[in-house]
Each structure stands twice: as structure tokens, then as C-alpha cells.
Amino acid sequence: MATKTSTAQSQRMLRVGEQVRAAITQVLQRGEVRDDLLEKTVISVSEVRMSTDLKVATAFITPLGVSDHETVITALNRHAKFIRGRLGPHLRQMKFMPEIRFRDDTSFDNYKKIDELLRSPEVMRDLEDGDTDEK
């Protein structure tokens, strides 16, 4: 039997993570959390990573149209127990309701940096030089 690395997610972890992501999204879209900041902020839940025992769910979020992501993440973590309680009807099949943790999703920033690098004059010059060598 092959051993898995600690960063690899099993099919079960991925499936449960997607179910938790959809449930959190529904709770946030319905405005069930009573918080002025959260009620006026559109929040995108891009991914939920589950722990190996499925007892901890880390939700990666992006607050749209807000420059200070940290205040939104702090507010979500402050209401995490309430949100966890509201997930029950959506996740009835689960033996244990996972603890929810919210983190800032920086993947979009990483994609932007990579895109900027690829469009930089130095890289464009190197790509053009490579095209002439192949002809």
C-alpha cells in the first residue's frame, strides 16, 4: 500500500471539502450571519481543505471589493462557531461537524504576479529570441 504525503488530499477529503465549501457559500449568500461588515461584503469561497480526520475545514476566501481582507477574515473567524452550527442541515451525512477556519486566499495574487512576470519586457524579449532560433 502506497503511503500518502501529508499535503496530498484523498478523494474523500476533496469531496467533503467541496460539500463544505458549497454549504458555507449558501450560509453566507443567505445572509444568516448578522455582522454589518459581512452583510455588505461579497465573499468568494474558493476552496475548503479538510484535515485527514475530516474534523477541521480550512476555508480559503476572497472578499470582493474590499482592500482590507484581514478584517473580513477576522469577522468570519469570530462567527465560525455560528457558521458551523448553520452547516448542519447541509451536511447531515457527516459523523462530525468540522471546525471551520477562515484564511485569505492568496492564489489570485500569485496568478497576477506570474502573469505580470510573463508580460515583462525581459521575458517577452527572451520569448521572441526563442522564436527566431526555432525558425
N, C-alpha and C. Protein backbone atom coordinates (compact mmCIF):
# COMPACT_ATOMS: atom_id res chain seq x y z
N MET A 1 0.84 -1.17 0.00
CA MET A 1 0.00 0.00 0.00
C MET A 1 0.89 1.24 0.00
N ALA A 2 0.61 2.15 -0.89
CA ALA A 2 1.41 3.37 -1.00
C ALA A 2 1.06 4.33 0.12
N THR A 3 2.07 4.99 0.64
CA THR A 3 1.82 5.99 1.67
C THR A 3 1.60 7.34 1.02
N LYS A 4 0.77 8.15 1.65
CA LYS A 4 0.47 9.47 1.11
C LYS A 4 1.28 10.51 1.87
N THR A 5 1.65 11.54 1.15
CA THR A 5 2.33 12.64 1.82
C THR A 5 1.28 13.45 2.57
N SER A 6 1.73 14.23 3.52
CA SER A 6 0.79 14.99 4.35
C SER A 6 0.07 16.07 3.55
N THR A 7 0.63 16.49 2.41
CA THR A 7 -0.02 17.54 1.63
C THR A 7 -1.02 16.98 0.62
N ALA A 8 -0.93 15.70 0.29
CA ALA A 8 -1.84 15.11 -0.68
C ALA A 8 -3.21 14.92 -0.06
N GLN A 9 -4.23 15.28 -0.81
CA GLN A 9 -5.59 15.14 -0.32
C GLN A 9 -6.22 13.92 -0.97
N SER A 10 -6.87 13.11 -0.16
CA SER A 10 -7.55 11.93 -0.70
C SER A 10 -8.83 12.36 -1.42
N GLN A 11 -9.38 11.45 -2.21
CA GLN A 11 -10.63 11.74 -2.90
C GLN A 11 -11.73 12.10 -1.90
N ARG A 12 -11.74 11.41 -0.78
CA ARG A 12 -12.76 11.67 0.24
C ARG A 12 -12.60 13.07 0.81
N MET A 13 -11.35 13.47 1.10
CA MET A 13 -11.10 14.81 1.63
C MET A 13 -11.52 15.88 0.62
N LEU A 14 -11.23 15.64 -0.65
CA LEU A 14 -11.62 16.59 -1.68
C LEU A 14 -13.13 16.69 -1.81
N ARG A 15 -13.81 15.53 -1.80
CA ARG A 15 -15.27 15.52 -1.93
C ARG A 15 -15.94 16.23 -0.76
N VAL A 16 -15.50 15.91 0.46
CA VAL A 16 -16.08 16.54 1.65
C VAL A 16 -15.76 18.03 1.66
N GLY A 17 -14.55 18.39 1.26
CA GLY A 17 -14.18 19.80 1.19
C GLY A 17 -15.08 20.58 0.25
N GLU A 18 -15.42 19.99 -0.87
CA GLU A 18 -16.31 20.65 -1.82
C GLU A 18 -17.72 20.78 -1.25
N GLN A 19 -18.19 19.77 -0.52
CA GLN A 19 -19.50 19.85 0.11
C GLN A 19 -19.54 20.95 1.17
N VAL A 20 -18.47 21.05 1.96
CA VAL A 20 -18.39 22.08 3.00
C VAL A 20 -18.31 23.46 2.34
N ARG A 21 -17.55 23.57 1.23
CA ARG A 21 -17.44 24.85 0.52
C ARG A 21 -18.82 25.31 0.04
N ALA A 22 -19.57 24.41 -0.55
CA ALA A 22 -20.91 24.76 -1.04
C ALA A 22 -21.83 25.16 0.11
N ALA A 23 -21.73 24.47 1.25
CA ALA A 23 -22.57 24.80 2.40
C ALA A 23 -22.21 26.16 2.98
N ILE A 24 -20.93 26.45 3.12
CA ILE A 24 -20.50 27.76 3.64
C ILE A 24 -20.97 28.87 2.70
N THR A 25 -20.85 28.63 1.40
CA THR A 25 -21.28 29.62 0.42
C THR A 25 -22.77 29.92 0.57
N GLN A 26 -23.57 28.87 0.76
CA GLN A 26 -25.02 29.07 0.93
C GLN A 26 -25.32 29.88 2.18
N VAL A 27 -24.65 29.55 3.29
CA VAL A 27 -24.89 30.27 4.54
C VAL A 27 -24.54 31.75 4.38
N LEU A 28 -23.42 32.03 3.73
CA LEU A 28 -23.01 33.42 3.54
C LEU A 28 -23.91 34.16 2.55
N GLN A 29 -24.34 33.49 1.49
CA GLN A 29 -25.21 34.12 0.50
C GLN A 29 -26.58 34.47 1.08
N ARG A 30 -27.05 33.65 1.96
CA ARG A 30 -28.37 33.89 2.56
C ARG A 30 -28.34 34.98 3.63
N GLY A 31 -27.16 35.44 3.99
CA GLY A 31 -27.05 36.50 4.99
C GLY A 31 -27.43 36.04 6.38
N GLU A 32 -27.16 34.79 6.70
CA GLU A 32 -27.54 34.25 8.01
C GLU A 32 -26.65 34.76 9.13
N VAL A 33 -25.46 35.26 8.78
CA VAL A 33 -24.54 35.78 9.78
C VAL A 33 -24.84 37.26 9.96
N ARG A 34 -25.18 37.65 11.17
CA ARG A 34 -25.52 39.05 11.46
C ARG A 34 -24.26 39.81 11.87
N ASP A 35 -23.66 40.43 10.87
CA ASP A 35 -22.47 41.24 11.08
C ASP A 35 -22.48 42.30 9.99
N ASP A 36 -22.41 43.57 10.37
CA ASP A 36 -22.50 44.65 9.39
C ASP A 36 -21.47 44.52 8.28
N LEU A 37 -20.24 44.20 8.64
CA LEU A 37 -19.18 44.07 7.64
C LEU A 37 -19.46 42.92 6.69
N LEU A 38 -19.86 41.78 7.23
CA LEU A 38 -20.10 40.60 6.39
C LEU A 38 -21.35 40.75 5.53
N GLU A 39 -22.35 41.46 6.05
CA GLU A 39 -23.58 41.63 5.29
C GLU A 39 -23.38 42.50 4.05
N LYS A 40 -22.43 43.43 4.10
CA LYS A 40 -22.23 44.31 2.95
C LYS A 40 -21.04 43.90 2.08
N THR A 41 -20.43 42.74 2.38
CA THR A 41 -19.27 42.28 1.62
C THR A 41 -19.62 41.01 0.85
N VAL A 42 -19.26 40.99 -0.42
CA VAL A 42 -19.42 39.79 -1.23
C VAL A 42 -18.18 38.94 -0.99
N ILE A 43 -18.41 37.70 -0.58
CA ILE A 43 -17.30 36.81 -0.22
C ILE A 43 -17.30 35.60 -1.14
N SER A 44 -16.15 35.34 -1.74
CA SER A 44 -15.98 34.17 -2.59
C SER A 44 -15.22 33.11 -1.80
N VAL A 45 -15.80 31.92 -1.69
CA VAL A 45 -15.13 30.79 -1.03
C VAL A 45 -14.54 29.94 -2.15
N SER A 46 -13.23 30.06 -2.35
CA SER A 46 -12.61 29.39 -3.49
C SER A 46 -12.28 27.93 -3.23
N GLU A 47 -11.95 27.59 -2.00
CA GLU A 47 -11.56 26.21 -1.70
C GLU A 47 -11.71 25.95 -0.21
N VAL A 48 -12.02 24.70 0.12
CA VAL A 48 -12.01 24.26 1.51
C VAL A 48 -11.14 23.01 1.57
N ARG A 49 -10.12 23.06 2.41
CA ARG A 49 -9.23 21.91 2.61
C ARG A 49 -9.57 21.26 3.93
N MET A 50 -9.76 19.96 3.87
CA MET A 50 -10.12 19.19 5.06
C MET A 50 -8.88 18.56 5.68
N SER A 51 -8.89 18.44 7.01
CA SER A 51 -7.83 17.69 7.68
C SER A 51 -8.04 16.21 7.38
N THR A 52 -7.04 15.39 7.64
CA THR A 52 -7.15 13.97 7.31
C THR A 52 -8.27 13.27 8.07
N ASP A 53 -8.57 13.74 9.28
CA ASP A 53 -9.66 13.13 10.05
C ASP A 53 -11.01 13.80 9.79
N LEU A 54 -11.04 14.76 8.87
CA LEU A 54 -12.25 15.49 8.46
C LEU A 54 -12.87 16.32 9.59
N LYS A 55 -12.11 16.62 10.62
CA LYS A 55 -12.66 17.38 11.75
C LYS A 55 -12.33 18.87 11.69
N VAL A 56 -11.46 19.27 10.77
CA VAL A 56 -11.11 20.68 10.61
C VAL A 56 -11.21 21.04 9.14
N ALA A 57 -11.95 22.11 8.85
CA ALA A 57 -12.10 22.59 7.48
C ALA A 57 -11.50 23.99 7.41
N THR A 58 -10.52 24.17 6.53
CA THR A 58 -9.91 25.47 6.33
C THR A 58 -10.47 26.04 5.04
N ALA A 59 -11.24 27.13 5.17
CA ALA A 59 -11.88 27.76 4.02
C ALA A 59 -11.04 28.93 3.55
N PHE A 60 -10.67 28.91 2.27
CA PHE A 60 -9.90 30.00 1.67
C PHE A 60 -10.88 30.93 0.99
N ILE A 61 -10.89 32.19 1.43
CA ILE A 61 -11.89 33.14 0.97
C ILE A 61 -11.22 34.37 0.36
N THR A 62 -11.99 35.02 -0.52
CA THR A 62 -11.59 36.29 -1.10
C THR A 62 -12.76 37.25 -0.96
N PRO A 63 -12.59 38.29 -0.12
CA PRO A 63 -13.63 39.32 -0.04
C PRO A 63 -13.51 40.22 -1.27
N LEU A 64 -14.57 40.34 -2.03
CA LEU A 64 -14.53 41.11 -3.27
C LEU A 64 -14.84 42.58 -3.00
N GLY A 65 -14.05 43.46 -3.58
CA GLY A 65 -14.27 44.89 -3.44
C GLY A 65 -13.82 45.46 -2.11
N VAL A 66 -13.03 44.71 -1.36
CA VAL A 66 -12.55 45.17 -0.05
C VAL A 66 -11.02 45.14 -0.09
N SER A 67 -10.41 46.24 0.31
CA SER A 67 -8.94 46.28 0.28
C SER A 67 -8.33 45.60 1.51
N ASP A 68 -9.02 45.67 2.65
CA ASP A 68 -8.50 45.08 3.88
C ASP A 68 -9.15 43.71 4.11
N HIS A 69 -8.53 42.67 3.58
CA HIS A 69 -9.08 41.32 3.71
C HIS A 69 -9.04 40.83 5.15
N GLU A 70 -8.05 41.28 5.91
CA GLU A 70 -7.86 40.77 7.26
C GLU A 70 -9.05 41.05 8.18
N THR A 71 -9.70 42.20 8.03
CA THR A 71 -10.86 42.50 8.88
C THR A 71 -12.02 41.56 8.57
N VAL A 72 -12.19 41.21 7.30
CA VAL A 72 -13.26 40.28 6.92
C VAL A 72 -12.96 38.89 7.45
N ILE A 73 -11.71 38.46 7.34
CA ILE A 73 -11.32 37.14 7.83
C ILE A 73 -11.48 37.07 9.34
N THR A 74 -11.11 38.14 10.03
CA THR A 74 -11.28 38.18 11.49
C THR A 74 -12.76 38.07 11.86
N ALA A 75 -13.61 38.78 11.12
CA ALA A 75 -15.05 38.72 11.39
C ALA A 75 -15.59 37.31 11.13
N LEU A 76 -15.16 36.68 10.05
CA LEU A 76 -15.61 35.32 9.77
C LEU A 76 -15.15 34.35 10.85
N ASN A 77 -13.91 34.47 11.29
CA ASN A 77 -13.41 33.58 12.35
C ASN A 77 -14.14 33.83 13.67
N ARG A 78 -14.55 35.05 13.90
CA ARG A 78 -15.31 35.38 15.11
C ARG A 78 -16.69 34.69 15.08
N HIS A 79 -17.25 34.51 13.89
CA HIS A 79 -18.57 33.88 13.73
C HIS A 79 -18.46 32.42 13.30
N ALA A 80 -17.27 31.83 13.37
CA ALA A 80 -17.05 30.47 12.86
C ALA A 80 -17.93 29.44 13.55
N LYS A 81 -18.11 29.56 14.86
CA LYS A 81 -18.96 28.58 15.56
C LYS A 81 -20.41 28.68 15.12
N PHE A 82 -20.89 29.90 14.91
CA PHE A 82 -22.26 30.08 14.44
C PHE A 82 -22.41 29.49 13.03
N ILE A 83 -21.45 29.77 12.15
CA ILE A 83 -21.49 29.24 10.79
C ILE A 83 -21.45 27.72 10.82
N ARG A 84 -20.61 27.17 11.69
CA ARG A 84 -20.53 25.71 11.84
C ARG A 84 -21.89 25.14 12.21
N GLY A 85 -22.60 25.79 13.11
CA GLY A 85 -23.94 25.34 13.50
C GLY A 85 -24.94 25.40 12.37
N ARG A 86 -24.78 26.40 11.49
CA ARG A 86 -25.70 26.55 10.37
C ARG A 86 -25.42 25.56 9.24
N LEU A 87 -24.27 24.89 9.28
CA LEU A 87 -23.93 23.92 8.24
C LEU A 87 -24.64 22.58 8.42
N GLY A 88 -25.14 22.33 9.60
CA GLY A 88 -25.77 21.04 9.93
C GLY A 88 -26.76 20.51 8.91
N PRO A 89 -27.76 21.31 8.53
CA PRO A 89 -28.74 20.81 7.55
C PRO A 89 -28.13 20.47 6.19
N HIS A 90 -27.03 21.13 5.83
CA HIS A 90 -26.39 20.90 4.54
C HIS A 90 -25.47 19.67 4.56
N LEU A 91 -25.01 19.30 5.76
CA LEU A 91 -24.01 18.23 5.87
C LEU A 91 -24.48 17.13 6.82
N ARG A 92 -25.73 16.73 6.68
CA ARG A 92 -26.32 15.72 7.58
C ARG A 92 -25.58 14.39 7.56
N GLN A 93 -24.95 14.07 6.42
CA GLN A 93 -24.31 12.76 6.27
C GLN A 93 -23.02 12.65 7.06
N MET A 94 -22.50 13.77 7.55
CA MET A 94 -21.21 13.72 8.24
C MET A 94 -21.37 13.28 9.69
N LYS A 95 -20.45 12.44 10.13
CA LYS A 95 -20.47 11.95 11.50
C LYS A 95 -20.16 13.08 12.48
N PHE A 96 -19.16 13.90 12.14
CA PHE A 96 -18.77 15.04 12.97
C PHE A 96 -18.85 16.31 12.12
N MET A 97 -19.35 17.38 12.71
CA MET A 97 -19.36 18.66 12.02
C MET A 97 -17.97 19.28 12.18
N PRO A 98 -17.30 19.61 11.08
CA PRO A 98 -15.92 20.10 11.19
C PRO A 98 -15.84 21.49 11.80
N GLU A 99 -14.74 21.74 12.49
CA GLU A 99 -14.41 23.08 12.96
C GLU A 99 -14.04 23.89 11.72
N ILE A 100 -14.52 25.12 11.63
CA ILE A 100 -14.29 25.94 10.44
C ILE A 100 -13.24 27.00 10.76
N ARG A 101 -12.26 27.11 9.88
CA ARG A 101 -11.24 28.16 9.98
C ARG A 101 -11.21 28.90 8.65
N PHE A 102 -11.12 30.21 8.72
CA PHE A 102 -11.09 31.03 7.51
C PHE A 102 -9.70 31.61 7.31
N ARG A 103 -9.24 31.54 6.06
CA ARG A 103 -7.93 32.08 5.68
C ARG A 103 -8.09 32.87 4.39
N ASP A 104 -7.19 33.83 4.19
CA ASP A 104 -7.19 34.64 2.98
C ASP A 104 -6.66 33.79 1.82
N ASP A 105 -7.35 33.83 0.70
CA ASP A 105 -6.90 33.10 -0.48
C ASP A 105 -5.96 34.01 -1.27
N THR A 106 -4.70 33.68 -1.26
CA THR A 106 -3.70 34.49 -1.95
C THR A 106 -3.37 33.94 -3.34
N SER A 107 -4.05 32.90 -3.76
CA SER A 107 -3.73 32.30 -5.06
C SER A 107 -3.95 33.28 -6.21
N PHE A 108 -4.97 34.15 -6.10
CA PHE A 108 -5.22 35.12 -7.16
C PHE A 108 -4.06 36.11 -7.26
N ASP A 109 -3.50 36.50 -6.13
CA ASP A 109 -2.34 37.38 -6.13
C ASP A 109 -1.15 36.69 -6.79
N ASN A 110 -0.98 35.40 -6.50
CA ASN A 110 0.12 34.64 -7.12
C ASN A 110 -0.06 34.55 -8.63
N TYR A 111 -1.29 34.31 -9.08
CA TYR A 111 -1.55 34.24 -10.52
C TYR A 111 -1.25 35.59 -11.18
N LYS A 112 -1.61 36.66 -10.49
CA LYS A 112 -1.37 38.01 -11.02
C LYS A 112 0.13 38.27 -11.16
N LYS A 113 0.91 37.87 -10.14
CA LYS A 113 2.36 38.07 -10.19
C LYS A 113 2.98 37.29 -11.34
N ILE A 114 2.53 36.05 -11.53
CA ILE A 114 3.05 35.22 -12.62
C ILE A 114 2.70 35.85 -13.96
N ASP A 115 1.47 36.34 -14.09
CA ASP A 115 1.05 36.97 -15.33
C ASP A 115 1.89 38.22 -15.62
N GLU A 116 2.15 39.03 -14.59
CA GLU A 116 2.97 40.22 -14.75
C GLU A 116 4.39 39.85 -15.17
N LEU A 117 4.92 38.78 -14.57
CA LEU A 117 6.25 38.33 -14.95
C LEU A 117 6.30 37.89 -16.42
N LEU A 118 5.29 37.14 -16.83
CA LEU A 118 5.26 36.65 -18.21
C LEU A 118 5.12 37.79 -19.22
N ARG A 119 4.51 38.89 -18.80
CA ARG A 119 4.31 40.03 -19.69
C ARG A 119 5.44 41.05 -19.60
N SER A 120 6.41 40.81 -18.73
CA SER A 120 7.51 41.76 -18.55
C SER A 120 8.36 41.82 -19.83
N PRO A 121 8.98 42.97 -20.09
CA PRO A 121 9.80 43.11 -21.31
C PRO A 121 10.93 42.08 -21.40
N GLU A 122 11.53 41.73 -20.26
CA GLU A 122 12.63 40.77 -20.28
C GLU A 122 12.17 39.40 -20.76
N VAL A 123 11.05 38.95 -20.25
CA VAL A 123 10.53 37.64 -20.64
C VAL A 123 10.05 37.68 -22.09
N MET A 124 9.38 38.76 -22.47
CA MET A 124 8.91 38.89 -23.85
C MET A 124 10.10 38.86 -24.82
N ARG A 125 11.20 39.54 -24.45
CA ARG A 125 12.40 39.55 -25.29
C ARG A 125 12.95 38.13 -25.43
N ASP A 126 13.02 37.41 -24.29
CA ASP A 126 13.52 36.03 -24.32
C ASP A 126 12.64 35.13 -25.16
N LEU A 127 11.33 35.34 -25.08
CA LEU A 127 10.41 34.53 -25.88
C LEU A 127 10.58 34.84 -27.36
N GLU A 128 10.77 36.11 -27.69
CA GLU A 128 10.97 36.49 -29.09
C GLU A 128 12.28 35.91 -29.61
N ASP A 129 13.34 35.95 -28.80
CA ASP A 129 14.63 35.36 -29.18
C ASP A 129 14.48 33.87 -29.43
N GLY A 130 13.69 33.22 -28.61
CA GLY A 130 13.47 31.77 -28.77
C GLY A 130 12.75 31.46 -30.05
N ASP A 131 11.84 32.34 -30.49
CA ASP A 131 11.10 32.12 -31.73
C ASP A 131 12.02 32.17 -32.94
N THR A 132 12.99 33.10 -32.93
CA THR A 132 13.88 33.23 -34.08
C THR A 132 14.85 32.05 -34.16
N ASP A 133 15.21 31.46 -33.03
CA ASP A 133 16.13 30.32 -33.03
C ASP A 133 15.48 29.09 -33.65
N GLU A 134 14.17 28.94 -33.48
CA GLU A 134 13.48 27.76 -33.95
C GLU A 134 13.24 27.79 -35.44
N LYS A 135 13.23 28.98 -36.07
CA LYS A 135 12.89 29.10 -37.49
C LYS A 135 14.01 28.71 -38.39
